[in-house]
PDB file of N, CA and C in Angstrom:
ATOM      1  N   UNK A   1      10.137 -48.550  71.973  1.00  0.00           N
ATOM      2  CA  UNK A   1       9.075 -47.833  72.628  1.00  0.00           C
ATOM      3  C   UNK A   1       7.808 -49.021  72.102  1.00  0.00           C
ATOM      4  N   UNK A   2       6.965 -49.507  73.032  1.00  0.00           N
ATOM      5  CA  UNK A   2       6.009 -50.508  72.799  1.00  0.00           C
ATOM      6  C   UNK A   2       4.659 -50.097  72.360  1.00  0.00           C
ATOM      7  N   UNK A   3       3.782 -50.609  71.719  1.00  0.00           N
ATOM      8  CA  UNK A   3       2.498 -50.258  71.251  1.00  0.00           C
ATOM      9  C   UNK A   3       1.562 -50.536  72.176  1.00  0.00           C
ATOM     10  N   UNK A   4       0.735 -49.862  73.049  1.00  0.00           N
ATOM     11  CA  UNK A   4      -0.529 -50.542  73.816  1.00  0.00           C
ATOM     12  C   UNK A   4      -1.159 -51.534  73.345  1.00  0.00           C
ATOM     13  N   UNK A   5      -1.521 -52.223  74.026  1.00  0.00           N
ATOM     14  CA  UNK A   5      -2.296 -53.487  73.832  1.00  0.00           C
ATOM     15  C   UNK A   5      -3.909 -52.846  73.703  1.00  0.00           C
ATOM     16  N   UNK A   6      -4.863 -53.474  72.252  1.00  0.00           N
ATOM     17  CA  UNK A   6      -5.927 -52.697  72.234  1.00  0.00           C
ATOM     18  C   UNK A   6      -6.847 -53.206  73.412  1.00  0.00           C
ATOM     19  N   UNK A   7      -7.673 -52.321  73.266  1.00  0.00           N
ATOM     20  CA  UNK A   7      -8.532 -52.071  74.742  1.00  0.00           C
ATOM     21  C   UNK A   7      -9.598 -52.963  74.260  1.00  0.00           C
ATOM     22  N   UNK A   8     -10.402 -54.040  74.978  1.00  0.00           N
ATOM     23  CA  UNK A   8     -11.436 -54.691  74.588  1.00  0.00           C
ATOM     24  C   UNK A   8     -12.772 -54.123  74.400  1.00  0.00           C
ATOM     25  N   UNK A   9     -13.690 -54.080  73.290  1.00  0.00           N
ATOM     26  CA  UNK A   9     -14.749 -53.507  73.472  1.00  0.00           C
ATOM     27  C   UNK A   9     -15.844 -53.793  74.442  1.00  0.00           C
ATOM     28  N   UNK A  10     -16.186 -52.813  75.288  1.00  0.00           N
ATOM     29  CA  UNK A  10     -17.116 -53.077  76.482  1.00  0.00           C
ATOM     30  C   UNK A  10     -18.349 -53.683  76.222  1.00  0.00           C
ATOM     31  N   UNK A  11     -18.591 -54.300  77.244  1.00  0.00           N
ATOM     32  CA  UNK A  11     -19.633 -55.453  76.933  1.00  0.00           C
ATOM     33  C   UNK A  11     -21.272 -54.721  77.064  1.00  0.00           C
ATOM     34  N   UNK A  12     -21.005 -53.701  77.926  1.00  0.00           N
ATOM     35  CA  UNK A  12     -22.234 -53.112  78.152  1.00  0.00           C
ATOM     36  C   UNK A  12     -21.964 -51.380  78.164  1.00  0.00           C
ATOM     37  N   UNK A  13     -23.183 -50.727  77.515  1.00  0.00           N
ATOM     38  CA  UNK A  13     -22.679 -49.229  77.344  1.00  0.00           C
ATOM     39  C   UNK A  13     -23.927 -48.599  77.333  1.00  0.00           C
ATOM     40  N   UNK A  14     -23.711 -47.106  77.479  1.00  0.00           N
ATOM     41  CA  UNK A  14     -24.912 -46.328  78.091  1.00  0.00           C
ATOM     42  C   UNK A  14     -25.281 -45.780  76.436  1.00  0.00           C
ATOM     43  N   UNK A  15     -26.563 -45.012  76.564  1.00  0.00           N
ATOM     44  CA  UNK A  15     -27.180 -44.559  75.317  1.00  0.00           C
ATOM     45  C   UNK A  15     -26.350 -43.692  74.570  1.00  0.00           C
ATOM     46  N   UNK A  16     -25.604 -42.702  75.256  1.00  0.00           N
ATOM     47  CA  UNK A  16     -24.666 -41.773  74.253  1.00  0.00           C
ATOM     48  C   UNK A  16     -23.518 -42.686  73.373  1.00  0.00           C
ATOM     49  N   UNK A  17     -23.093 -43.761  74.143  1.00  0.00           N
ATOM     50  CA  UNK A  17     -21.839 -44.625  73.841  1.00  0.00           C
ATOM     51  C   UNK A  17     -22.295 -45.117  72.625  1.00  0.00           C
ATOM     52  N   UNK A  18     -23.624 -46.010  72.707  1.00  0.00           N
ATOM     53  CA  UNK A  18     -23.949 -46.769  71.688  1.00  0.00           C
ATOM     54  C   UNK A  18     -24.357 -45.796  70.257  1.00  0.00           C
ATOM     55  N   UNK A  19     -24.909 -44.705  70.730  1.00  0.00           N
ATOM     56  CA  UNK A  19     -25.113 -43.675  69.544  1.00  0.00           C
ATOM     57  C   UNK A  19     -23.930 -43.457  69.015  1.00  0.00           C
ATOM     58  N   UNK A  20     -22.915 -43.113  69.613  1.00  0.00           N
ATOM     59  CA  UNK A  20     -21.579 -42.787  68.729  1.00  0.00           C
ATOM     60  C   UNK A  20     -21.220 -43.817  68.192  1.00  0.00           C
ATOM     61  N   UNK A  21     -21.285 -45.387  68.638  1.00  0.00           N
ATOM     62  CA  UNK A  21     -21.096 -46.266  67.801  1.00  0.00           C
ATOM     63  C   UNK A  21     -21.539 -46.656  66.502  1.00  0.00           C
ATOM     64  N   UNK A  22     -22.806 -46.177  66.539  1.00  0.00           N
ATOM     65  CA  UNK A  22     -23.582 -46.346  65.069  1.00  0.00           C
ATOM     66  C   UNK A  22     -23.772 -45.204  64.553  1.00  0.00           C
ATOM     67  N   UNK A  23     -23.123 -43.805  64.897  1.00  0.00           N
ATOM     68  CA  UNK A  23     -23.378 -42.718  64.284  1.00  0.00           C
ATOM     69  C   UNK A  23     -24.424 -41.980  64.197  1.00  0.00           C
ATOM     70  N   UNK A  24     -25.152 -42.181  65.136  1.00  0.00           N
ATOM     71  CA  UNK A  24     -26.686 -41.341  65.407  1.00  0.00           C
ATOM     72  C   UNK A  24     -27.036 -40.611  66.443  1.00  0.00           C
ATOM     73  N   UNK A  25     -27.575 -40.087  66.723  1.00  0.00           N
ATOM     74  CA  UNK A  25     -27.997 -39.352  67.975  1.00  0.00           C
ATOM     75  C   UNK A  25     -28.424 -40.060  69.145  1.00  0.00           C
ATOM     76  N   UNK A  26     -28.318 -39.328  70.054  1.00  0.00           N
ATOM     77  CA  UNK A  26     -28.715 -40.098  71.390  1.00  0.00           C
ATOM     78  C   UNK A  26     -30.650 -40.391  70.886  1.00  0.00           C
ATOM     79  N   UNK A  27     -31.022 -39.317  70.494  1.00  0.00           N
ATOM     80  CA  UNK A  27     -32.659 -39.461  70.373  1.00  0.00           C
ATOM     81  C   UNK A  27     -32.830 -40.389  69.504  1.00  0.00           C
ATOM     82  N   UNK A  28     -32.088 -40.926  68.534  1.00  0.00           N
ATOM     83  CA  UNK A  28     -32.538 -41.631  67.665  1.00  0.00           C
ATOM     84  C   UNK A  28     -32.389 -43.330  68.326  1.00  0.00           C
ATOM     85  N   UNK A  29     -31.624 -43.203  69.318  1.00  0.00           N
ATOM     86  CA  UNK A  29     -31.538 -44.478  69.796  1.00  0.00           C
ATOM     87  C   UNK A  29     -32.811 -44.203  70.996  1.00  0.00           C
ATOM     88  N   UNK A  30     -33.117 -43.543  71.725  1.00  0.00           N
ATOM     89  CA  UNK A  30     -34.255 -43.631  72.223  1.00  0.00           C
ATOM     90  C   UNK A  30     -35.421 -44.004  71.409  1.00  0.00           C
ATOM     91  N   UNK A  31     -35.506 -43.158  70.425  1.00  0.00           N
ATOM     92  CA  UNK A  31     -36.701 -43.900  69.479  1.00  0.00           C
ATOM     93  C   UNK A  31     -36.626 -45.128  69.094  1.00  0.00           C
ATOM     94  N   UNK A  32     -35.715 -45.682  68.569  1.00  0.00           N
ATOM     95  CA  UNK A  32     -35.414 -47.292  68.214  1.00  0.00           C
ATOM     96  C   UNK A  32     -36.004 -47.908  69.632  1.00  0.00           C
ATOM     97  N   UNK A  33     -35.420 -47.666  70.759  1.00  0.00           N
ATOM     98  CA  UNK A  33     -35.944 -48.364  71.909  1.00  0.00           C
ATOM     99  C   UNK A  33     -37.365 -48.532  72.002  1.00  0.00           C
ATOM    100  N   UNK A  34     -37.945 -47.233  71.777  1.00  0.00           N
ATOM    101  CA  UNK A  34     -39.257 -47.123  72.144  1.00  0.00           C
ATOM    102  C   UNK A  34     -40.377 -47.445  71.030  1.00  0.00           C
ATOM    103  N   UNK A  35     -39.810 -47.365  69.471  1.00  0.00           N
ATOM    104  CA  UNK A  35     -40.443 -47.597  68.663  1.00  0.00           C
ATOM    105  C   UNK A  35     -40.371 -49.048  67.986  1.00  0.00           C
ATOM    106  N   UNK A  36     -39.198 -49.301  67.799  1.00  0.00           N
ATOM    107  CA  UNK A  36     -38.530 -50.304  66.937  1.00  0.00           C
ATOM    108  C   UNK A  36     -38.262 -51.547  68.005  1.00  0.00           C
ATOM    109  N   UNK A  37     -38.254 -51.552  69.377  1.00  0.00           N
ATOM    110  CA  UNK A  37     -37.658 -52.662  70.070  1.00  0.00           C
ATOM    111  C   UNK A  37     -36.234 -52.782  70.341  1.00  0.00           C
ATOM    112  N   UNK A  38     -35.434 -51.986  70.199  1.00  0.00           N
ATOM    113  CA  UNK A  38     -33.922 -51.837  70.362  1.00  0.00           C
ATOM    114  C   UNK A  38     -33.724 -52.595  71.581  1.00  0.00           C
ATOM    115  N   UNK A  39     -32.776 -53.948  71.441  1.00  0.00           N
ATOM    116  CA  UNK A  39     -32.770 -54.531  73.023  1.00  0.00           C
ATOM    117  C   UNK A  39     -31.995 -53.622  73.999  1.00  0.00           C
ATOM    118  N   UNK A  40     -32.434 -53.395  75.105  1.00  0.00           N
ATOM    119  CA  UNK A  40     -31.706 -52.681  76.093  1.00  0.00           C
ATOM    120  C   UNK A  40     -32.103 -53.413  77.575  1.00  0.00           C
ATOM    121  N   UNK A  41     -31.767 -52.957  78.360  1.00  0.00           N
ATOM    122  CA  UNK A  41     -32.319 -53.244  79.818  1.00  0.00           C
ATOM    123  C   UNK A  41     -31.883 -51.854  80.779  1.00  0.00           C
ATOM    124  N   UNK A  42     -32.318 -51.916  81.793  1.00  0.00           N
ATOM    125  CA  UNK A  42     -32.949 -50.771  82.734  1.00  0.00           C
ATOM    126  C   UNK A  42     -31.840 -51.664  84.233  1.00  0.00           C
ATOM    127  N   UNK A  43     -31.267 -50.394  84.927  1.00  0.00           N
ATOM    128  CA  UNK A  43     -30.716 -51.029  86.426  1.00  0.00           C
ATOM    129  C   UNK A  43     -31.167 -50.016  87.018  1.00  0.00           C
ATOM    130  N   UNK A  44     -31.709 -50.316  88.355  1.00  0.00           N
ATOM    131  CA  UNK A  44     -32.535 -49.709  89.513  1.00  0.00           C
ATOM    132  C   UNK A  44     -33.753 -49.160  89.077  1.00  0.00           C
ATOM    133  N   UNK A  45     -34.320 -48.730  90.395  1.00  0.00           N
ATOM    134  CA  UNK A  45     -35.580 -48.091  90.410  1.00  0.00           C
ATOM    135  C   UNK A  45     -36.143 -47.289  89.710  1.00  0.00           C
ATOM    136  N   UNK A  46     -37.327 -47.037  89.373  1.00  0.00           N
ATOM    137  CA  UNK A  46     -37.697 -46.234  88.734  1.00  0.00           C
ATOM    138  C   UNK A  46     -37.302 -45.809  87.299  1.00  0.00           C
ATOM    139  N   UNK A  47     -37.502 -46.589  86.761  1.00  0.00           N
ATOM    140  CA  UNK A  47     -37.016 -46.563  85.314  1.00  0.00           C
ATOM    141  C   UNK A  47     -35.677 -46.823  85.112  1.00  0.00           C
ATOM    142  N   UNK A  48     -34.661 -46.454  86.574  1.00  0.00           N
ATOM    143  CA  UNK A  48     -33.447 -46.761  86.065  1.00  0.00           C
ATOM    144  C   UNK A  48     -32.444 -46.394  85.121  1.00  0.00           C
ATOM    145  N   UNK A  49     -31.659 -46.576  84.810  1.00  0.00           N
ATOM    146  CA  UNK A  49     -30.516 -46.642  84.110  1.00  0.00           C
ATOM    147  C   UNK A  49     -30.338 -47.422  82.646  1.00  0.00           C
ATOM    148  N   UNK A  50     -30.363 -46.653  81.730  1.00  0.00           N
ATOM    149  CA  UNK A  50     -30.632 -47.551  80.496  1.00  0.00           C
ATOM    150  C   UNK A  50     -29.110 -48.231  79.957  1.00  0.00           C
ATOM    151  N   UNK A  51     -29.178 -49.231  79.758  1.00  0.00           N
ATOM    152  CA  UNK A  51     -27.729 -49.735  79.123  1.00  0.00           C
ATOM    153  C   UNK A  51     -28.041 -50.727  78.115  1.00  0.00           C
ATOM    154  N   UNK A  52     -27.105 -51.215  77.166  1.00  0.00           N
ATOM    155  CA  UNK A  52     -27.012 -51.694  76.064  1.00  0.00           C
ATOM    156  C   UNK A  52     -26.021 -52.612  76.276  1.00  0.00           C
ATOM    157  N   UNK A  53     -26.282 -54.208  75.694  1.00  0.00           N
ATOM    158  CA  UNK A  53     -25.606 -54.921  75.471  1.00  0.00           C
ATOM    159  C   UNK A  53     -25.251 -54.828  74.282  1.00  0.00           C
ATOM    160  N   UNK A  54     -23.790 -54.675  73.721  1.00  0.00           N
ATOM    161  CA  UNK A  54     -23.166 -54.186  72.687  1.00  0.00           C
ATOM    162  C   UNK A  54     -23.587 -55.464  71.772  1.00  0.00           C
ATOM    163  N   UNK A  55     -23.249 -56.570  71.747  1.00  0.00           N
ATOM    164  CA  UNK A  55     -23.184 -57.729  71.176  1.00  0.00           C
ATOM    165  C   UNK A  55     -24.781 -57.852  70.546  1.00  0.00           C
ATOM    166  N   UNK A  56     -25.643 -57.810  71.509  1.00  0.00           N
ATOM    167  CA  UNK A  56     -27.117 -57.762  71.188  1.00  0.00           C
ATOM    168  C   UNK A  56     -27.646 -56.594  70.161  1.00  0.00           C
ATOM    169  N   UNK A  57     -26.975 -55.582  70.379  1.00  0.00           N
ATOM    170  CA  UNK A  57     -27.756 -54.313  69.387  1.00  0.00           C
ATOM    171  C   UNK A  57     -26.980 -54.442  68.121  1.00  0.00           C
ATOM    172  N   UNK A  58     -25.778 -55.195  67.990  1.00  0.00           N
ATOM    173  CA  UNK A  58     -25.213 -55.408  66.996  1.00  0.00           C
ATOM    174  C   UNK A  58     -26.138 -56.468  66.243  1.00  0.00           C
ATOM    175  N   UNK A  59     -26.659 -57.554  66.859  1.00  0.00           N
ATOM    176  CA  UNK A  59     -27.112 -58.661  65.952  1.00  0.00           C
ATOM    177  C   UNK A  59     -28.423 -57.875  65.743  1.00  0.00           C
ATOM    178  N   UNK A  60     -29.089 -57.264  66.482  1.00  0.00           N
ATOM    179  CA  UNK A  60     -30.287 -56.546  66.277  1.00  0.00           C
ATOM    180  C   UNK A  60     -30.442 -55.656  65.024  1.00  0.00           C
ATOM    181  N   UNK A  61     -29.158 -54.781  65.164  1.00  0.00           N
ATOM    182  CA  UNK A  61     -28.857 -54.072  63.679  1.00  0.00           C
ATOM    183  C   UNK A  61     -28.810 -54.912  62.480  1.00  0.00           C
ATOM    184  N   UNK A  62     -28.114 -56.026  62.652  1.00  0.00           N
ATOM    185  CA  UNK A  62     -27.828 -56.972  61.249  1.00  0.00           C
ATOM    186  C   UNK A  62     -29.225 -57.163  60.930  1.00  0.00           C
ATOM    187  N   UNK A  63     -30.294 -57.946  61.700  1.00  0.00           N
ATOM    188  CA  UNK A  63     -31.559 -58.207  61.309  1.00  0.00           C
ATOM    189  C   UNK A  63     -31.946 -57.192  60.490  1.00  0.00           C
ATOM    190  N   UNK A  64     -31.961 -56.187  60.740  1.00  0.00           N
ATOM    191  CA  UNK A  64     -32.918 -55.000  60.054  1.00  0.00           C
ATOM    192  C   UNK A  64     -31.866 -54.766  58.597  1.00  0.00           C
ATOM    193  N   UNK A  65     -30.715 -55.093  58.576  1.00  0.00           N
ATOM    194  CA  UNK A  65     -29.836 -54.937  57.227  1.00  0.00           C
ATOM    195  C   UNK A  65     -30.793 -54.836  56.301  1.00  0.00           C
ATOM    196  N   UNK A  66     -30.592 -53.822  55.136  1.00  0.00           N
ATOM    197  CA  UNK A  66     -31.585 -53.855  53.620  1.00  0.00           C
ATOM    198  C   UNK A  66     -30.475 -53.601  52.874  1.00  0.00           C
ATOM    199  N   UNK A  67     -30.546 -54.586  52.067  1.00  0.00           N
ATOM    200  CA  UNK A  67     -29.735 -54.818  50.865  1.00  0.00           C
ATOM    201  C   UNK A  67     -30.475 -53.916  49.490  1.00  0.00           C
ATOM    202  N   UNK A  68     -29.636 -53.195  48.518  1.00  0.00           N
ATOM    203  CA  UNK A  68     -30.118 -52.918  47.507  1.00  0.00           C
ATOM    204  C   UNK A  68     -30.133 -53.896  46.296  1.00  0.00           C
ATOM    205  N   UNK A  69     -31.129 -53.917  45.303  1.00  0.00           N
ATOM    206  CA  UNK A  69     -30.576 -55.036  44.647  1.00  0.00           C
ATOM    207  C   UNK A  69     -29.749 -54.220  43.403  1.00  0.00           C
ATOM    208  N   UNK A  70     -29.841 -54.909  42.169  1.00  0.00           N
ATOM    209  CA  UNK A  70     -29.304 -54.075  41.152  1.00  0.00           C
ATOM    210  C   UNK A  70     -30.321 -53.510  40.382  1.00  0.00           C
ATOM    211  N   UNK A  71     -31.628 -53.997  40.654  1.00  0.00           N
ATOM    212  CA  UNK A  71     -32.518 -53.135  40.097  1.00  0.00           C
ATOM    213  C   UNK A  71     -33.421 -51.953  40.817  1.00  0.00           C
ATOM    214  N   UNK A  72     -32.594 -51.871  41.735  1.00  0.00           N
ATOM    215  CA  UNK A  72     -32.697 -50.408  42.830  1.00  0.00           C
ATOM    216  C   UNK A  72     -33.673 -50.491  43.680  1.00  0.00           C
ATOM    217  N   UNK A  73     -34.290 -51.797  43.980  1.00  0.00           N
ATOM    218  CA  UNK A  73     -35.188 -51.994  44.962  1.00  0.00           C
ATOM    219  C   UNK A  73     -34.596 -52.352  46.140  1.00  0.00           C
ATOM    220  N   UNK A  74     -35.375 -52.716  47.248  1.00  0.00           N
ATOM    221  CA  UNK A  74     -34.643 -52.976  48.465  1.00  0.00           C
ATOM    222  C   UNK A  74     -35.165 -54.435  48.987  1.00  0.00           C
ATOM    223  N   UNK A  75     -34.360 -54.921  49.648  1.00  0.00           N
ATOM    224  CA  UNK A  75     -34.822 -56.279  49.982  1.00  0.00           C
ATOM    225  C   UNK A  75     -34.186 -56.385  51.436  1.00  0.00           C
ATOM    226  N   UNK A  76     -34.885 -57.058  52.412  1.00  0.00           N
ATOM    227  CA  UNK A  76     -34.600 -56.906  53.807  1.00  0.00           C
ATOM    228  C   UNK A  76     -34.119 -58.364  53.779  1.00  0.00           C
ATOM    229  N   UNK A  77     -32.598 -58.441  54.411  1.00  0.00           N
ATOM    230  CA  UNK A  77     -32.006 -59.836  54.740  1.00  0.00           C
ATOM    231  C   UNK A  77     -32.622 -60.210  55.962  1.00  0.00           C
TER     232      UNK A  77
END
């Protein structure tokens, strides 16, 4: 019996999927889009359907990474 090949990660996902990927709610993703400038794009007229480029969002998250120092303070990388 053969093991199925792993599926490649999708390049573009919806809000619910990106929320699951990062372990947060869809509302949190909405707020990050509105307040923090999370990268996304819209497809279609009248606001359209929101989609996220997975690699862009990963890079955006990495840029906001906070590292705790040994003294207990936080430093952003």
